[in-house]
Amino acid sequence: MSGRPNKEQTKQLRELAKRLGEIQKDIANKSIDEIKNYFNNLEGITSVKVTLSPLWKKKAPNDMNKIEITVEY
């Protein structure tokens, strides 16, 4: 998405924001491929970038508070 989101995109962003806690729980302890697959199955998601830190980590942390989700439009 570029510029300001349209009405439909705004609606989708609001729905996503409401579910962030649930999403964090769903992706906890998942691999990069599992996380990408999860997001690609959500309505309105056009691309996903997953970064784990430190680089040698193979899965997201179990602690939801250590999972950061950034939404770009």
Protein backbone atom coordinates (compact mmCIF):
# COMPACT_ATOMS: atom_id res chain seq x y z
CA MET A 1 0.00 0.00 0.00
CA SER A 2 1.22 3.50 -0.60
CA GLY A 3 -0.01 6.87 0.57
CA ARG A 4 -3.03 6.94 2.83
CA PRO A 5 -5.07 3.78 3.21
CA ASN A 6 -8.47 3.70 1.56
CA LYS A 7 -11.66 2.84 3.48
CA GLU A 8 -11.29 -0.92 3.04
CA GLN A 9 -7.61 -0.86 4.01
CA THR A 10 -8.40 1.22 7.10
CA LYS A 11 -11.04 -1.33 8.11
CA GLN A 12 -8.55 -4.19 7.65
CA LEU A 13 -5.87 -2.35 9.67
CA ARG A 14 -8.32 -1.79 12.53
CA GLU A 15 -9.31 -5.45 12.55
CA LEU A 16 -5.66 -6.47 12.55
CA ALA A 17 -4.88 -4.09 15.42
CA LYS A 18 -7.70 -5.62 17.49
CA ARG A 19 -6.17 -9.07 17.03
CA LEU A 20 -2.50 -8.27 17.75
CA GLY A 21 -2.44 -10.12 21.09
CA GLU A 22 -4.05 -13.17 19.52
CA ILE A 23 -1.64 -13.00 16.58
CA GLN A 24 1.38 -12.77 18.90
CA LYS A 25 0.17 -15.87 20.71
CA ASP A 26 -0.43 -17.69 17.41
CA ILE A 27 3.09 -17.04 16.08
CA ALA A 28 4.97 -17.65 19.35
CA ASN A 29 7.58 -20.42 18.99
CA LYS A 30 6.96 -20.67 15.21
CA SER A 31 9.61 -20.79 12.47
CA ILE A 32 10.02 -18.04 9.89
CA ASP A 33 8.19 -20.13 7.26
CA GLU A 34 5.33 -20.88 9.66
CA ILE A 35 4.99 -17.17 10.51
CA LYS A 36 5.01 -16.14 6.83
CA ASN A 37 2.39 -18.78 6.05
CA TYR A 38 0.24 -17.57 8.96
CA PHE A 39 0.26 -13.96 7.76
CA ASN A 40 -0.19 -14.85 4.09
CA ASN A 41 -3.46 -16.54 5.07
CA LEU A 42 -4.83 -13.36 6.67
CA GLU A 43 -7.13 -11.19 4.57
CA GLY A 44 -5.54 -8.00 3.28
CA ILE A 45 -1.91 -9.01 3.81
CA THR A 46 0.08 -8.50 0.62
CA SER A 47 3.60 -9.21 1.87
CA VAL A 48 5.38 -10.35 5.01
CA LYS A 49 8.90 -9.78 6.28
CA VAL A 50 10.03 -11.79 9.29
CA THR A 51 13.21 -10.97 11.17
CA LEU A 52 14.43 -12.95 14.14
CA SER A 53 17.07 -11.59 16.47
CA PRO A 54 19.71 -12.68 17.18
CA LEU A 55 20.24 -14.03 13.69
CA TRP A 56 20.89 -17.61 14.79
CA LYS A 57 17.40 -17.95 16.28
CA LYS A 58 15.22 -20.33 14.26
CA LYS A 59 11.88 -19.65 15.96
CA ALA A 60 9.98 -16.73 17.44
CA PRO A 61 10.17 -16.43 21.23
CA ASN A 62 7.54 -18.06 23.46
CA ASP A 63 7.11 -14.78 25.37
CA MET A 64 4.50 -12.69 23.55
CA ASN A 65 6.02 -9.53 25.04
CA LYS A 66 9.18 -10.19 23.02
CA ILE A 67 7.32 -10.36 19.70
CA GLU A 68 7.14 -7.07 17.82
CA ILE A 69 4.75 -6.66 14.91
CA THR A 70 5.04 -3.70 12.58
CA VAL A 71 2.28 -2.97 10.07
CA GLU A 72 3.12 -0.93 7.00
CA TYR A 73 0.65 0.27 4.42
